[in-house]
Structures are given as C-alpha cells and as structure tokens.
Protein backbone atom coordinates (compact mmCIF):
# COMPACT_ATOMS: atom_id res chain seq x y z
CA UNK A 1 110.01 113.86 111.33
CA UNK A 2 111.29 112.35 114.86
CA UNK A 3 108.91 113.00 117.47
CA UNK A 4 105.59 113.30 116.46
CA UNK A 5 102.20 113.29 118.16
CA UNK A 6 99.55 110.90 116.99
CA UNK A 7 97.56 113.98 115.43
CA UNK A 8 100.60 114.59 113.38
CA UNK A 9 100.74 111.08 112.45
CA UNK A 10 97.13 111.18 111.41
CA UNK A 11 97.84 113.95 109.15
CA UNK A 12 101.05 112.56 107.63
CA UNK A 13 99.05 109.39 106.68
CA UNK A 14 96.24 111.36 105.24
CA UNK A 15 98.81 113.49 103.28
CA UNK A 16 100.38 110.26 101.87
CA UNK A 17 97.21 108.76 101.13
CA UNK A 18 95.90 111.88 99.24
CA UNK A 19 98.91 112.08 97.24
CA UNK A 20 100.90 108.73 96.79
CA UNK A 21 98.09 106.47 97.49
CA UNK A 22 95.35 107.97 95.58
CA UNK A 23 92.83 107.19 98.17
CA UNK A 24 91.78 105.08 101.10
CA UNK A 25 90.82 101.61 100.61
CA UNK A 26 87.48 100.51 102.23
CA UNK A 27 87.15 100.46 105.85
CA UNK A 28 86.31 96.56 105.63
CA UNK A 29 89.55 96.04 103.25
CA UNK A 30 91.56 98.14 105.58
CA UNK A 31 90.08 95.73 108.62
CA UNK A 32 91.29 92.71 106.26
CA UNK A 33 94.65 94.10 105.91
CA UNK A 34 95.12 95.06 109.59
CA UNK A 35 94.43 91.31 110.47
CA UNK A 36 97.15 90.45 107.80
CA UNK A 37 99.57 92.74 109.40
CA UNK A 38 98.77 91.53 112.69
CA UNK A 39 99.32 88.10 111.63
CA UNK A 40 102.57 88.86 109.95
CA UNK A 41 103.69 90.41 113.30
CA UNK A 42 102.72 87.33 114.97
CA UNK A 43 104.82 85.16 112.72
CA UNK A 44 107.93 87.27 113.85
CA UNK A 45 107.25 86.97 117.23
CA UNK A 46 106.61 83.38 117.35
CA UNK A 47 109.73 82.93 115.48
CA UNK A 48 111.73 85.37 117.58
CA UNK A 49 110.19 84.83 121.15
CA UNK A 50 108.21 81.72 120.75
CA UNK A 51 109.12 77.87 119.86
CA UNK A 52 109.11 78.35 116.24
CA UNK A 53 112.11 78.95 114.32
CA UNK A 54 112.74 80.82 110.91
CA UNK A 55 112.47 78.76 108.08
CA UNK A 56 115.37 78.07 105.71
CA UNK A 57 114.40 80.83 103.30
CA UNK A 58 113.51 83.37 105.85
CA UNK A 59 115.67 85.81 107.34
CA UNK A 60 115.27 87.62 110.77
CA UNK A 61 112.41 90.06 110.13
CA UNK A 62 112.31 93.73 111.15
CA UNK A 63 109.81 93.53 114.21
CA UNK A 64 109.73 97.31 114.18
CA UNK A 65 108.47 97.56 110.64
CA UNK A 66 105.77 95.13 111.19
CA UNK A 67 104.93 96.92 114.35
CA UNK A 68 104.98 100.03 112.19
CA UNK A 69 102.80 98.43 109.36
CA UNK A 70 100.08 97.45 112.37
CA UNK A 71 100.17 101.23 113.29
CA UNK A 72 99.72 102.41 109.74
CA UNK A 73 96.73 100.61 109.14
CA UNK A 74 95.33 101.46 112.53
CA UNK A 75 95.63 105.50 111.65
CA UNK A 76 93.99 104.77 108.37
CA UNK A 77 91.01 103.07 109.99
CA UNK A 78 90.89 106.12 112.50
CA UNK A 79 91.11 108.81 109.68
CA UNK A 80 88.44 107.12 107.81
CA UNK A 81 86.23 106.68 110.82
CA UNK A 82 86.44 110.22 112.20
CA UNK A 83 88.55 109.05 115.35
CA UNK A 84 91.00 111.51 116.73
CA UNK A 85 93.56 108.96 118.20
CA UNK A 86 95.39 111.45 120.36
CA UNK A 87 92.05 112.28 122.29
CA UNK A 88 90.95 108.65 122.17
CA UNK A 89 94.39 107.27 123.66
CA UNK A 90 94.10 109.91 126.37
CA UNK A 91 90.63 109.05 127.44
CA UNK A 92 91.58 105.44 127.22
CA UNK A 93 94.65 105.69 129.83
CA UNK A 94 92.30 107.73 131.96
CA UNK A 95 89.72 104.97 131.71
CA UNK A 96 92.22 101.95 132.35
CA UNK A 97 93.89 104.23 135.38
CA UNK A 98 90.60 104.84 137.04
CA UNK A 99 89.35 100.83 136.37
CA UNK A 100 92.55 99.38 137.35
CA UNK A 101 93.98 101.46 139.89
CA UNK A 102 94.32 98.66 142.26
CA UNK A 103 93.49 95.48 139.99
CA UNK A 104 97.15 94.79 138.91
CA UNK A 105 98.93 95.38 142.18
CA UNK A 106 96.40 93.17 143.90
CA UNK A 107 96.96 90.25 141.14
CA UNK A 108 99.44 87.60 142.85
CA UNK A 109 100.26 86.24 139.45
CA UNK A 110 101.99 89.51 138.66
CA UNK A 111 104.36 89.20 141.44
C-alpha cells in the first residue's frame, strides 16, 4: 500500500474502523481529537524548528507519524460527513489556482 489515492485512503480508514475500531467516534469527539493531534504536531514543530527544546524525558519525535495522525482523523471526519476528499481536494486546488493566479507572484514579501 505505497501509492494510494485519497479515495483509497478513505476506504482503508473505513475498513479499519469497521473491523478493528468497531465504530467511528462521534463527529464532535473526532473534532476534539483532531485538535489534540494538531497540538501534538505543533509541539514537535516548536521543538524541532522553533525556539523550544526537547525536555529531558522527551526524545525527538516522529513528525511524519504526527502528520499521519492528523490526516487519519481528517479522513475519519470526511468519511463521517460524506465528503469525497479526492473530489474536494481537486476542487480546492482549482479554486486556489483561479483566486491566487497572480496574487503570490505580486507579493513582495515572498521575494
């Protein structure tokens, strides 16, 4: 399972939930879990790239795993709310491309 589409990822998560996870947590619980997971990612980012250092009892954490945790919960929320992530992502890129076609190239702060 190396290269998978967003649609396949949604199906994989759903299969896992139905067979191992028993059922989805409620949407509100998953929103809270998403916030928690983003916080864990932020903690790693602050220590690795920011001004904070790792505490004595902490080790360098796996950023990829923290990002994957965020993605997992986002996929759960998409599945629960009937969002086709693949379709939504394509539409979102189209929206951003149309809206920001010239904007970023004209931003002197980005040069």
